[in-house]
Amino acid sequence: MVQFNLDEDKFWKWSPAAAEIFAYRRENKDINTMPWGFDRGGVSDDRRSTWASFLCVALSGWGKDELTISATMNEDSSWQITHAIKRAP
């Protein structure tokens, strides 16, 4: 079963890449200057892919920007981490 819309506590419990995702958010120079707060997350049924969504108030002060960080397990059991930012309209 795919787990969607997990709160932060459940995300840490169910996501095998939670630590990697939070470390990526903390350490990536492109995104670590904004105060991203956890919004929701999801984990695939095979636990080989997972994602987390973070929000912060847009620089314009209108609306919220959304950061999504995804982790996919490689063949060697390492995690490939990517991110995307959706800016507030």
PDB file of N, CA and C in Angstrom:
ATOM      1  N   MET A   1       0.845  -1.179   0.000  1.00  0.00           N
ATOM      2  CA  MET A   1       0.000   0.000   0.000  1.00  0.00           C
ATOM      3  C   MET A   1       0.891   1.245   0.000  1.00  0.00           C
ATOM      4  N   VAL A   2       0.525   2.220  -0.785  1.00  0.00           N
ATOM      5  CA  VAL A   2       1.244   3.486  -0.840  1.00  0.00           C
ATOM      6  C   VAL A   2       0.746   4.375   0.298  1.00  0.00           C
ATOM      7  N   GLN A   3       1.673   4.973   1.025  1.00  0.00           N
ATOM      8  CA  GLN A   3       1.332   5.865   2.125  1.00  0.00           C
ATOM      9  C   GLN A   3       1.482   7.314   1.655  1.00  0.00           C
ATOM     10  N   PHE A   4       0.389   8.062   1.612  1.00  0.00           N
ATOM     11  CA  PHE A   4       0.423   9.465   1.202  1.00  0.00           C
ATOM     12  C   PHE A   4      -0.017  10.353   2.352  1.00  0.00           C
ATOM     13  N   ASN A   5       0.341  11.619   2.248  1.00  0.00           N
ATOM     14  CA  ASN A   5      -0.073  12.640   3.207  1.00  0.00           C
ATOM     15  C   ASN A   5       0.287  12.279   4.647  1.00  0.00           C
ATOM     16  N   LEU A   6       1.489  11.770   4.809  1.00  0.00           N
ATOM     17  CA  LEU A   6       1.970  11.458   6.144  1.00  0.00           C
ATOM     18  C   LEU A   6       2.401  12.730   6.859  1.00  0.00           C
ATOM     19  N   ASP A   7       2.094  12.824   8.152  1.00  0.00           N
ATOM     20  CA  ASP A   7       2.623  13.948   8.914  1.00  0.00           C
ATOM     21  C   ASP A   7       4.105  13.661   9.206  1.00  0.00           C
ATOM     22  N   GLU A   8       4.793  14.604   9.813  1.00  0.00           N
ATOM     23  CA  GLU A   8       6.238  14.465   9.989  1.00  0.00           C
ATOM     24  C   GLU A   8       6.611  13.251  10.837  1.00  0.00           C
ATOM     25  N   ASP A   9       5.888  13.002  11.922  1.00  0.00           N
ATOM     26  CA  ASP A   9       6.201  11.843  12.766  1.00  0.00           C
ATOM     27  C   ASP A   9       6.039  10.536  11.995  1.00  0.00           C
ATOM     28  N   LYS A  10       4.937  10.400  11.261  1.00  0.00           N
ATOM     29  CA  LYS A  10       4.709   9.171  10.493  1.00  0.00           C
ATOM     30  C   LYS A  10       5.699   9.058   9.336  1.00  0.00           C
ATOM     31  N   PHE A  11       6.092  10.200   8.767  1.00  0.00           N
ATOM     32  CA  PHE A  11       7.079  10.165   7.696  1.00  0.00           C
ATOM     33  C   PHE A  11       8.392   9.594   8.221  1.00  0.00           C
ATOM     34  N   TRP A  12       8.833  10.055   9.374  1.00  0.00           N
ATOM     35  CA  TRP A  12      10.070   9.523   9.968  1.00  0.00           C
ATOM     36  C   TRP A  12       9.932   8.029  10.260  1.00  0.00           C
ATOM     37  N   LYS A  13       8.751   7.594  10.643  1.00  0.00           N
ATOM     38  CA  LYS A  13       8.527   6.184  10.970  1.00  0.00           C
ATOM     39  C   LYS A  13       8.528   5.311   9.708  1.00  0.00           C
ATOM     40  N   TRP A  14       7.881   5.778   8.633  1.00  0.00           N
ATOM     41  CA  TRP A  14       7.660   4.939   7.453  1.00  0.00           C
ATOM     42  C   TRP A  14       8.678   5.130   6.340  1.00  0.00           C
ATOM     43  N   SER A  15       9.313   6.265   6.246  1.00  0.00           N
ATOM     44  CA  SER A  15      10.228   6.521   5.131  1.00  0.00           C
ATOM     45  C   SER A  15      11.639   6.043   5.448  1.00  0.00           C
ATOM     46  N   PRO A  16      12.169   5.108   4.662  1.00  0.00           N
ATOM     47  CA  PRO A  16      13.532   4.657   4.904  1.00  0.00           C
ATOM     48  C   PRO A  16      14.581   5.709   4.521  1.00  0.00           C
ATOM     49  N   ALA A  17      14.169   6.761   3.828  1.00  0.00           N
ATOM     50  CA  ALA A  17      15.106   7.814   3.409  1.00  0.00           C
ATOM     51  C   ALA A  17      14.833   9.144   4.119  1.00  0.00           C
ATOM     52  N   ALA A  18      14.095   9.120   5.204  1.00  0.00           N
ATOM     53  CA  ALA A  18      13.768  10.370   5.909  1.00  0.00           C
ATOM     54  C   ALA A  18      15.026  11.132   6.303  1.00  0.00           C
ATOM     55  N   ALA A  19      15.993  10.457   6.877  1.00  0.00           N
ATOM     56  CA  ALA A  19      17.223  11.136   7.314  1.00  0.00           C
ATOM     57  C   ALA A  19      17.948  11.756   6.126  1.00  0.00           C
ATOM     58  N   GLU A  20      17.993  11.049   4.995  1.00  0.00           N
ATOM     59  CA  GLU A  20      18.666  11.565   3.804  1.00  0.00           C
ATOM     60  C   GLU A  20      17.931  12.780   3.244  1.00  0.00           C
ATOM     61  N   ILE A  21      16.607  12.746   3.258  1.00  0.00           N
ATOM     62  CA  ILE A  21      15.823  13.871   2.746  1.00  0.00           C
ATOM     63  C   ILE A  21      16.028  15.112   3.615  1.00  0.00           C
ATOM     64  N   PHE A  22      15.972  14.957   4.927  1.00  0.00           N
ATOM     65  CA  PHE A  22      16.153  16.108   5.814  1.00  0.00           C
ATOM     66  C   PHE A  22      17.588  16.628   5.747  1.00  0.00           C
ATOM     67  N   ALA A  23      18.557  15.731   5.607  1.00  0.00           N
ATOM     68  CA  ALA A  23      19.954  16.166   5.465  1.00  0.00           C
ATOM     69  C   ALA A  23      20.134  16.932   4.156  1.00  0.00           C
ATOM     70  N   TYR A  24      19.508  16.475   3.093  1.00  0.00           N
ATOM     71  CA  TYR A  24      19.585  17.153   1.795  1.00  0.00           C
ATOM     72  C   TYR A  24      19.015  18.572   1.915  1.00  0.00           C
ATOM     73  N   ARG A  25      17.866  18.694   2.584  1.00  0.00           N
ATOM     74  CA  ARG A  25      17.260  20.024   2.774  1.00  0.00           C
ATOM     75  C   ARG A  25      18.184  20.931   3.570  1.00  0.00           C
ATOM     76  N   ARG A  26      18.852  20.415   4.562  1.00  0.00           N
ATOM     77  CA  ARG A  26      19.743  21.185   5.415  1.00  0.00           C
ATOM     78  C   ARG A  26      21.038  21.571   4.715  1.00  0.00           C
ATOM     79  N   GLU A  27      21.563  20.694   3.863  1.00  0.00           N
ATOM     80  CA  GLU A  27      22.908  20.865   3.320  1.00  0.00           C
ATOM     81  C   GLU A  27      22.965  21.418   1.902  1.00  0.00           C
ATOM     82  N   ASN A  28      21.875  21.374   1.149  1.00  0.00           N
ATOM     83  CA  ASN A  28      21.897  21.836  -0.240  1.00  0.00           C
ATOM     84  C   ASN A  28      21.872  23.361  -0.277  1.00  0.00           C
ATOM     85  N   LYS A  29      22.914  23.960  -0.872  1.00  0.00           N
ATOM     86  CA  LYS A  29      23.049  25.426  -0.890  1.00  0.00           C
ATOM     87  C   LYS A  29      21.913  26.119  -1.632  1.00  0.00           C
ATOM     88  N   ASP A  30      21.282  25.447  -2.580  1.00  0.00           N
ATOM     89  CA  ASP A  30      20.202  26.061  -3.350  1.00  0.00           C
ATOM     90  C   ASP A  30      18.923  26.239  -2.541  1.00  0.00           C
ATOM     91  N   ILE A  31      18.779  25.479  -1.466  1.00  0.00           N
ATOM     92  CA  ILE A  31      17.504  25.515  -0.742  1.00  0.00           C
ATOM     93  C   ILE A  31      17.632  25.775   0.757  1.00  0.00           C
ATOM     94  N   ASN A  32      18.836  25.722   1.315  1.00  0.00           N
ATOM     95  CA  ASN A  32      18.937  25.790   2.776  1.00  0.00           C
ATOM     96  C   ASN A  32      18.838  27.199   3.361  1.00  0.00           C
ATOM     97  N   THR A  33      18.697  28.207   2.529  1.00  0.00           N
ATOM     98  CA  THR A  33      18.577  29.567   3.059  1.00  0.00           C
ATOM     99  C   THR A  33      17.137  29.945   3.409  1.00  0.00           C
ATOM    100  N   MET A  34      16.193  29.131   2.996  1.00  0.00           N
ATOM    101  CA  MET A  34      14.782  29.412   3.285  1.00  0.00           C
ATOM    102  C   MET A  34      14.312  28.574   4.474  1.00  0.00           C
ATOM    103  N   PRO A  35      13.360  29.098   5.255  1.00  0.00           N
ATOM    104  CA  PRO A  35      12.870  28.361   6.428  1.00  0.00           C
ATOM    105  C   PRO A  35      11.770  27.357   6.049  1.00  0.00           C
ATOM    106  N   TRP A  36      12.151  26.307   5.354  1.00  0.00           N
ATOM    107  CA  TRP A  36      11.175  25.308   4.888  1.00  0.00           C
ATOM    108  C   TRP A  36      10.623  24.507   6.060  1.00  0.00           C
ATOM    109  N   GLY A  37       9.298  24.460   6.174  1.00  0.00           N
ATOM    110  CA  GLY A  37       8.635  23.651   7.198  1.00  0.00           C
ATOM    111  C   GLY A  37       7.974  22.444   6.563  1.00  0.00           C
ATOM    112  N   PHE A  38       8.064  21.297   7.207  1.00  0.00           N
ATOM    113  CA  PHE A  38       7.482  20.060   6.690  1.00  0.00           C
ATOM    114  C   PHE A  38       5.980  20.234   6.508  1.00  0.00           C
ATOM    115  N   ASP A  39       5.467  19.766   5.364  1.00  0.00           N
ATOM    116  CA  ASP A  39       4.027  19.815   5.095  1.00  0.00           C
ATOM    117  C   ASP A  39       3.428  18.416   5.080  1.00  0.00           C
ATOM    118  N   ARG A  40       3.963  17.540   4.222  1.00  0.00           N
ATOM    119  CA  ARG A  40       3.444  16.174   4.113  1.00  0.00           C
ATOM    120  C   ARG A  40       4.466  15.322   3.365  1.00  0.00           C
ATOM    121  N   GLY A  41       4.262  14.021   3.385  1.00  0.00           N
ATOM    122  CA  GLY A  41       5.173  13.126   2.687  1.00  0.00           C
ATOM    123  C   GLY A  41       4.461  11.877   2.225  1.00  0.00           C
ATOM    124  N   GLY A  42       5.177  11.055   1.486  1.00  0.00           N
ATOM    125  CA  GLY A  42       4.620   9.808   0.994  1.00  0.00           C
ATOM    126  C   GLY A  42       5.714   8.772   0.805  1.00  0.00           C
ATOM    127  N   VAL A  43       5.298   7.513   0.857  1.00  0.00           N
ATOM    128  CA  VAL A  43       6.218   6.393   0.716  1.00  0.00           C
ATOM    129  C   VAL A  43       5.544   5.354  -0.173  1.00  0.00           C
ATOM    130  N   SER A  44       6.298   4.821  -1.152  1.00  0.00           N
ATOM    131  CA  SER A  44       5.736   3.780  -2.018  1.00  0.00           C
ATOM    132  C   SER A  44       5.598   2.468  -1.244  1.00  0.00           C
ATOM    133  N   ASP A  45       4.783   1.577  -1.772  1.00  0.00           N
ATOM    134  CA  ASP A  45       4.536   0.314  -1.078  1.00  0.00           C
ATOM    135  C   ASP A  45       5.788  -0.556  -0.969  1.00  0.00           C
ATOM    136  N   ASP A  46       6.714  -0.444  -1.913  1.00  0.00           N
ATOM    137  CA  ASP A  46       7.944  -1.237  -1.832  1.00  0.00           C
ATOM    138  C   ASP A  46       9.050  -0.506  -1.060  1.00  0.00           C
ATOM    139  N   ARG A  47       8.756   0.718  -0.602  1.00  0.00           N
ATOM    140  CA  ARG A  47       9.659   1.560   0.195  1.00  0.00           C
ATOM    141  C   ARG A  47      10.946   1.900  -0.547  1.00  0.00           C
ATOM    142  N   ARG A  48      10.913   1.826  -1.883  1.00  0.00           N
ATOM    143  CA  ARG A  48      12.081   2.176  -2.698  1.00  0.00           C
ATOM    144  C   ARG A  48      11.992   3.607  -3.225  1.00  0.00           C
ATOM    145  N   SER A  49      10.884   4.267  -2.991  1.00  0.00           N
ATOM    146  CA  SER A  49      10.773   5.680  -3.346  1.00  0.00           C
ATOM    147  C   SER A  49       9.928   6.386  -2.289  1.00  0.00           C
ATOM    148  N   THR A  50      10.295   7.616  -2.058  1.00  0.00           N
ATOM    149  CA  THR A  50       9.637   8.401  -1.016  1.00  0.00           C
ATOM    150  C   THR A  50       9.810   9.880  -1.348  1.00  0.00           C
ATOM    151  N   TRP A  51       8.939  10.707  -0.843  1.00  0.00           N
ATOM    152  CA  TRP A  51       9.029  12.142  -1.102  1.00  0.00           C
ATOM    153  C   TRP A  51       8.506  12.903   0.111  1.00  0.00           C
ATOM    154  N   ALA A  52       8.954  14.129   0.226  1.00  0.00           N
ATOM    155  CA  ALA A  52       8.469  15.024   1.283  1.00  0.00           C
ATOM    156  C   ALA A  52       8.259  16.408   0.686  1.00  0.00           C
ATOM    157  N   SER A  53       7.225  17.059   1.135  1.00  0.00           N
ATOM    158  CA  SER A  53       6.895  18.404   0.690  1.00  0.00           C
ATOM    159  C   SER A  53       7.084  19.363   1.866  1.00  0.00           C
ATOM    160  N   PHE A  54       7.734  20.481   1.579  1.00  0.00           N
ATOM    161  CA  PHE A  54       8.008  21.511   2.583  1.00  0.00           C
ATOM    162  C   PHE A  54       7.468  22.839   2.061  1.00  0.00           C
ATOM    163  N   LEU A  55       7.000  23.696   2.951  1.00  0.00           N
ATOM    164  CA  LEU A  55       6.448  24.997   2.568  1.00  0.00           C
ATOM    165  C   LEU A  55       7.197  26.117   3.277  1.00  0.00           C
ATOM    166  N   CYS A  56       7.210  27.276   2.630  1.00  0.00           N
ATOM    167  CA  CYS A  56       7.668  28.500   3.292  1.00  0.00           C
ATOM    168  C   CYS A  56       6.969  29.675   2.615  1.00  0.00           C
ATOM    169  N   VAL A  57       6.843  30.754   3.343  1.00  0.00           N
ATOM    170  CA  VAL A  57       6.219  31.955   2.797  1.00  0.00           C
ATOM    171  C   VAL A  57       7.080  32.459   1.640  1.00  0.00           C
ATOM    172  N   ALA A  58       6.441  32.781   0.531  1.00  0.00           N
ATOM    173  CA  ALA A  58       7.153  33.266  -0.650  1.00  0.00           C
ATOM    174  C   ALA A  58       7.861  34.581  -0.335  1.00  0.00           C
ATOM    175  N   LEU A  59       8.939  34.843  -1.043  1.00  0.00           N
ATOM    176  CA  LEU A  59       9.685  36.086  -0.833  1.00  0.00           C
ATOM    177  C   LEU A  59       8.806  37.312  -1.036  1.00  0.00           C
ATOM    178  N   SER A  60       7.801  37.201  -1.904  1.00  0.00           N
ATOM    179  CA  SER A  60       6.882  38.311  -2.148  1.00  0.00           C
ATOM    180  C   SER A  60       5.977  38.570  -0.946  1.00  0.00           C
ATOM    181  N   GLY A  61       5.886  37.563  -0.052  1.00  0.00           N
ATOM    182  CA  GLY A  61       4.980  37.681   1.089  1.00  0.00           C
ATOM    183  C   GLY A  61       3.573  37.211   0.775  1.00  0.00           C
ATOM    184  N   TRP A  62       3.327  36.855  -0.466  1.00  0.00           N
ATOM    185  CA  TRP A  62       2.004  36.397  -0.909  1.00  0.00           C
ATOM    186  C   TRP A  62       2.067  34.921  -1.229  1.00  0.00           C
ATOM    187  N   GLY A  63       1.371  34.118  -0.472  1.00  0.00           N
ATOM    188  CA  GLY A  63       1.334  32.692  -0.746  1.00  0.00           C
ATOM    189  C   GLY A  63       2.541  31.953  -0.196  1.00  0.00           C
ATOM    190  N   LYS A  64       2.615  30.684  -0.555  1.00  0.00           N
ATOM    191  CA  LYS A  64       3.699  29.841  -0.071  1.00  0.00           C
ATOM    192  C   LYS A  64       4.379  29.137  -1.236  1.00  0.00           C
ATOM    193  N   ASP A  65       5.702  29.077  -1.161  1.00  0.00           N
ATOM    194  CA  ASP A  65       6.477  28.271  -2.094  1.00  0.00           C
ATOM    195  C   ASP A  65       6.473  26.843  -1.559  1.00  0.00           C
ATOM    196  N   GLU A  66       6.549  25.872  -2.484  1.00  0.00           N
ATOM    197  CA  GLU A  66       6.569  24.466  -2.091  1.00  0.00           C
ATOM    198  C   GLU A  66       7.833  23.797  -2.619  1.00  0.00           C
ATOM    199  N   LEU A  67       8.548  23.165  -1.733  1.00  0.00           N
ATOM    200  CA  LEU A  67       9.745  22.394  -2.058  1.00  0.00           C
ATOM    201  C   LEU A  67       9.388  20.921  -1.923  1.00  0.00           C
ATOM    202  N   THR A  68       9.643  20.156  -2.978  1.00  0.00           N
ATOM    203  CA  THR A  68       9.444  18.710  -2.918  1.00  0.00           C
ATOM    204  C   THR A  68      10.799  18.038  -3.101  1.00  0.00           C
ATOM    205  N   ILE A  69      11.148  17.185  -2.161  1.00  0.00           N
ATOM    206  CA  ILE A  69      12.386  16.420  -2.235  1.00  0.00           C
ATOM    207  C   ILE A  69      12.001  14.958  -2.380  1.00  0.00           C
ATOM    208  N   SER A  70      12.540  14.326  -3.412  1.00  0.00           N
ATOM    209  CA  SER A  70      12.235  12.927  -3.703  1.00  0.00           C
ATOM    210  C   SER A  70      13.491  12.083  -3.554  1.00  0.00           C
ATOM    211  N   ALA A  71      13.297  10.859  -3.100  1.00  0.00           N
ATOM    212  CA  ALA A  71      14.402   9.904  -2.974  1.00  0.00           C
ATOM    213  C   ALA A  71      13.979   8.594  -3.627  1.00  0.00           C
ATOM    214  N   THR A  72      14.852   8.086  -4.483  1.00  0.00           N
ATOM    215  CA  THR A  72      14.617   6.813  -5.156  1.00  0.00           C
ATOM    216  C   THR A  72      15.823   5.923  -4.910  1.00  0.00           C
ATOM    217  N   MET A  73      15.552   4.675  -4.516  1.00  0.00           N
ATOM    218  CA  MET A  73      16.648   3.759  -4.222  1.00  0.00           C
ATOM    219  C   MET A  73      17.258   3.245  -5.524  1.00  0.00           C
ATOM    220  N   ASN A  74      18.588   3.340  -5.598  1.00  0.00           N
ATOM    221  CA  ASN A  74      19.335   2.809  -6.736  1.00  0.00           C
ATOM    222  C   ASN A  74      19.544   1.302  -6.572  1.00  0.00           C
ATOM    223  N   GLU A  75      20.053   0.671  -7.614  1.00  0.00           N
ATOM    224  CA  GLU A  75      20.321  -0.771  -7.583  1.00  0.00           C
ATOM    225  C   GLU A  75      21.288  -1.157  -6.466  1.00  0.00           C
ATOM    226  N   ASP A  76      22.213  -0.255  -6.122  1.00  0.00           N
ATOM    227  CA  ASP A  76      23.193  -0.547  -5.077  1.00  0.00           C
ATOM    228  C   ASP A  76      22.695  -0.158  -3.678  1.00  0.00           C
ATOM    229  N   SER A  77      21.403   0.117  -3.562  1.00  0.00           N
ATOM    230  CA  SER A  77      20.728   0.489  -2.306  1.00  0.00           C
ATOM    231  C   SER A  77      21.088   1.880  -1.796  1.00  0.00           C
ATOM    232  N   SER A  78      21.773   2.692  -2.602  1.00  0.00           N
ATOM    233  CA  SER A  78      21.988   4.094  -2.244  1.00  0.00           C
ATOM    234  C   SER A  78      20.767   4.892  -2.696  1.00  0.00           C
ATOM    235  N   TRP A  79      20.646   6.113  -2.202  1.00  0.00           N
ATOM    236  CA  TRP A  79      19.490   6.948  -2.534  1.00  0.00           C
ATOM    237  C   TRP A  79      19.877   8.022  -3.533  1.00  0.00           C
ATOM    238  N   GLN A  80      19.069   8.163  -4.557  1.00  0.00           N
ATOM    239  CA  GLN A  80      19.214   9.280  -5.497  1.00  0.00           C
ATOM    240  C   GLN A  80      18.206  10.335  -5.059  1.00  0.00           C
ATOM    241  N   ILE A  81      18.697  11.506  -4.698  1.00  0.00           N
ATOM    242  CA  ILE A  81      17.861  12.571  -4.153  1.00  0.00           C
ATOM    243  C   ILE A  81      17.760  13.708  -5.176  1.00  0.00           C
ATOM    244  N   THR A  82      16.533  14.181  -5.407  1.00  0.00           N
ATOM    245  CA  THR A  82      16.301  15.325  -6.280  1.00  0.00           C
ATOM    246  C   THR A  82      15.308  16.258  -5.601  1.00  0.00           C
ATOM    247  N   HIS A  83      15.258  17.500  -6.086  1.00  0.00           N
ATOM    248  CA  HIS A  83      14.268  18.424  -5.542  1.00  0.00           C
ATOM    249  C   HIS A  83      13.677  19.284  -6.653  1.00  0.00           C
ATOM    250  N   ALA A  84      12.515  19.834  -6.359  1.00  0.00           N
ATOM    251  CA  ALA A  84      11.840  20.774  -7.250  1.00  0.00           C
ATOM    252  C   ALA A  84      11.154  21.820  -6.376  1.00  0.00           C
ATOM    253  N   ILE A  85      11.127  23.039  -6.864  1.00  0.00           N
ATOM    254  CA  ILE A  85      10.458  24.124  -6.141  1.00  0.00           C
ATOM    255  C   ILE A  85       9.335  24.661  -7.011  1.00  0.00           C
ATOM    256  N   LYS A  86       8.166  24.751  -6.414  1.00  0.00           N
ATOM    257  CA  LYS A  86       7.005  25.355  -7.074  1.00  0.00           C
ATOM    258  C   LYS A  86       6.777  26.699  -6.371  1.00  0.00           C
ATOM    259  N   ARG A  87       6.972  27.758  -7.119  1.00  0.00           N
ATOM    260  CA  ARG A  87       6.830  29.108  -6.536  1.00  0.00           C
ATOM    261  C   ARG A  87       5.355  29.505  -6.437  1.00  0.00           C
ATOM    262  N   ALA A  88       5.045  30.292  -5.429  1.00  0.00           N
ATOM    263  CA  ALA A  88       3.682  30.808  -5.258  1.00  0.00           C
ATOM    264  C   ALA A  88       3.334  31.669  -6.459  1.00  0.00           C
ATOM    265  N   PRO A  89       2.076  31.632  -6.877  1.00  0.00           N
ATOM    266  CA  PRO A  89       1.683  32.475  -8.040  1.00  0.00           C
ATOM    267  C   PRO A  89       1.763  33.951  -7.728  1.00  0.00           C
TER     268      PRO A  89
END
